Amino acid sequence: MAKVKVHVFLKPGVLDVQGKAVEGALHGLGWADVSNARVGKMIEFDIGDGVEDKAAEVKRMCETLLANTVIESYRIEVE
């Protein structure tokens, strides 16, 4: 059994409305030096030992379901 973490973020150049909202809120709370805030998601799950090439299988999961590869990029961690 292995732990998997998939980090998904909008690609550069794609408007991140949530990131702008977070940045504006931080500015409003006094952290004026914050800029370029981006919001993403992290998906964490276990994958069984029956999967031989775990990284390749998780990549297939990302390309199929976990990330919208038109506007999002992702990074995979397998522990």
C-alpha atoms as a PDB file:
ATOM      1  CA  MET A   1       0.000   0.000   0.000  1.00  0.00           C
ATOM      2  CA  ALA A   2       1.351   3.412  -0.948  1.00  0.00           C
ATOM      3  CA  LYS A   3       0.166   6.925  -0.143  1.00  0.00           C
ATOM      4  CA  VAL A   4      -0.483   9.117  -3.173  1.00  0.00           C
ATOM      5  CA  LYS A   5      -0.858  12.884  -3.262  1.00  0.00           C
ATOM      6  CA  VAL A   6      -1.939  14.681  -6.425  1.00  0.00           C
ATOM      7  CA  HIS A   7      -1.557  18.464  -6.453  1.00  0.00           C
ATOM      8  CA  VAL A   8      -3.711  20.194  -9.084  1.00  0.00           C
ATOM      9  CA  PHE A   9      -3.345  23.879 -10.034  1.00  0.00           C
ATOM     10  CA  LEU A  10      -4.590  26.107 -12.807  1.00  0.00           C
ATOM     11  CA  LYS A  11      -2.037  26.561 -15.566  1.00  0.00           C
ATOM     12  CA  PRO A  12      -0.210  29.904 -15.773  1.00  0.00           C
ATOM     13  CA  GLY A  13      -2.278  32.434 -17.681  1.00  0.00           C
ATOM     14  CA  VAL A  14      -5.612  30.930 -16.613  1.00  0.00           C
ATOM     15  CA  LEU A  15      -7.584  33.384 -14.466  1.00  0.00           C
ATOM     16  CA  ASP A  16      -7.704  32.149 -10.859  1.00  0.00           C
ATOM     17  CA  VAL A  17     -10.765  33.839  -9.363  1.00  0.00           C
ATOM     18  CA  GLN A  18     -10.328  32.092  -6.004  1.00  0.00           C
ATOM     19  CA  GLY A  19      -6.689  33.102  -5.878  1.00  0.00           C
ATOM     20  CA  LYS A  20      -7.622  36.742  -6.516  1.00  0.00           C
ATOM     21  CA  ALA A  21     -10.242  36.575  -3.742  1.00  0.00           C
ATOM     22  CA  VAL A  22      -7.698  35.149  -1.286  1.00  0.00           C
ATOM     23  CA  GLU A  23      -5.152  37.782  -2.294  1.00  0.00           C
ATOM     24  CA  GLY A  24      -7.721  40.570  -1.801  1.00  0.00           C
ATOM     25  CA  ALA A  25      -8.714  39.221   1.607  1.00  0.00           C
ATOM     26  CA  LEU A  26      -5.088  39.016   2.720  1.00  0.00           C
ATOM     27  CA  HIS A  27      -4.541  42.598   1.584  1.00  0.00           C
ATOM     28  CA  GLY A  28      -7.631  43.644   3.545  1.00  0.00           C
ATOM     29  CA  LEU A  29      -6.213  41.979   6.649  1.00  0.00           C
ATOM     30  CA  GLY A  30      -2.949  43.895   6.370  1.00  0.00           C
ATOM     31  CA  TRP A  31      -0.710  41.591   4.339  1.00  0.00           C
ATOM     32  CA  ALA A  32      -0.180  44.034   1.486  1.00  0.00           C
ATOM     33  CA  ASP A  33       3.009  42.360   0.231  1.00  0.00           C
ATOM     34  CA  VAL A  34       1.171  39.198  -0.896  1.00  0.00           C
ATOM     35  CA  SER A  35       0.815  38.840  -4.654  1.00  0.00           C
ATOM     36  CA  ASN A  36       0.046  36.224  -7.308  1.00  0.00           C
ATOM     37  CA  ALA A  37      -2.030  34.016  -4.984  1.00  0.00           C
ATOM     38  CA  ARG A  38      -3.152  30.795  -6.671  1.00  0.00           C
ATOM     39  CA  VAL A  39      -5.602  28.263  -5.238  1.00  0.00           C
ATOM     40  CA  GLY A  40      -5.394  24.588  -6.090  1.00  0.00           C
ATOM     41  CA  LYS A  41      -6.512  21.282  -4.727  1.00  0.00           C
ATOM     42  CA  MET A  42      -4.776  18.279  -3.253  1.00  0.00           C
ATOM     43  CA  ILE A  43      -6.195  14.790  -3.628  1.00  0.00           C
ATOM     44  CA  GLU A  44      -4.798  12.131  -1.314  1.00  0.00           C
ATOM     45  CA  PHE A  45      -5.484   8.409  -1.466  1.00  0.00           C
ATOM     46  CA  ASP A  46      -3.960   4.970  -0.943  1.00  0.00           C
ATOM     47  CA  ILE A  47      -3.147   2.667  -3.823  1.00  0.00           C
ATOM     48  CA  GLY A  48      -2.722  -1.065  -3.352  1.00  0.00           C
ATOM     49  CA  ASP A  49       0.351  -3.174  -3.852  1.00  0.00           C
ATOM     50  CA  GLY A  50      -1.345  -4.921  -6.788  1.00  0.00           C
ATOM     51  CA  VAL A  51      -0.599  -1.876  -8.935  1.00  0.00           C
ATOM     52  CA  GLU A  52       2.911  -2.373 -10.287  1.00  0.00           C
ATOM     53  CA  ASP A  53       3.691   1.018 -11.853  1.00  0.00           C
ATOM     54  CA  LYS A  54       1.921   3.289  -9.397  1.00  0.00           C
ATOM     55  CA  ALA A  55       3.120   6.580 -10.891  1.00  0.00           C
ATOM     56  CA  ALA A  56       1.943   5.600 -14.380  1.00  0.00           C
ATOM     57  CA  GLU A  57      -1.432   4.477 -13.051  1.00  0.00           C
ATOM     58  CA  VAL A  58      -1.922   7.715 -11.093  1.00  0.00           C
ATOM     59  CA  LYS A  59      -0.964   9.697 -14.198  1.00  0.00           C
ATOM     60  CA  ARG A  60      -3.734   7.878 -16.082  1.00  0.00           C
ATOM     61  CA  MET A  61      -6.141   8.802 -13.261  1.00  0.00           C
ATOM     62  CA  CYS A  62      -5.123  12.459 -13.560  1.00  0.00           C
ATOM     63  CA  GLU A  63      -5.504  12.518 -17.324  1.00  0.00           C
ATOM     64  CA  THR A  64      -8.896  10.781 -17.109  1.00  0.00           C
ATOM     65  CA  LEU A  65     -10.564  12.334 -14.052  1.00  0.00           C
ATOM     66  CA  LEU A  66      -8.531  14.185 -11.450  1.00  0.00           C
ATOM     67  CA  ALA A  67      -7.324  17.148 -13.549  1.00  0.00           C
ATOM     68  CA  ASN A  68      -8.800  19.091 -16.423  1.00  0.00           C
ATOM     69  CA  THR A  69      -5.611  19.085 -18.468  1.00  0.00           C
ATOM     70  CA  VAL A  70      -6.862  21.851 -20.756  1.00  0.00           C
ATOM     71  CA  ILE A  71      -6.612  24.409 -17.934  1.00  0.00           C
ATOM     72  CA  GLU A  72      -4.901  22.553 -15.073  1.00  0.00           C
ATOM     73  CA  SER A  73      -1.523  21.018 -14.430  1.00  0.00           C
ATOM     74  CA  TYR A  74      -0.738  18.457 -11.751  1.00  0.00           C
ATOM     75  CA  ARG A  75       2.110  17.022  -9.731  1.00  0.00           C
ATOM     76  CA  ILE A  76       2.132  13.473  -8.355  1.00  0.00           C
ATOM     77  CA  GLU A  77       3.799  12.248  -5.163  1.00  0.00           C
ATOM     78  CA  VAL A  78       3.916   8.514  -4.429  1.00  0.00           C
ATOM     79  CA  GLU A  79       5.346   7.599  -1.017  1.00  0.00           C
END
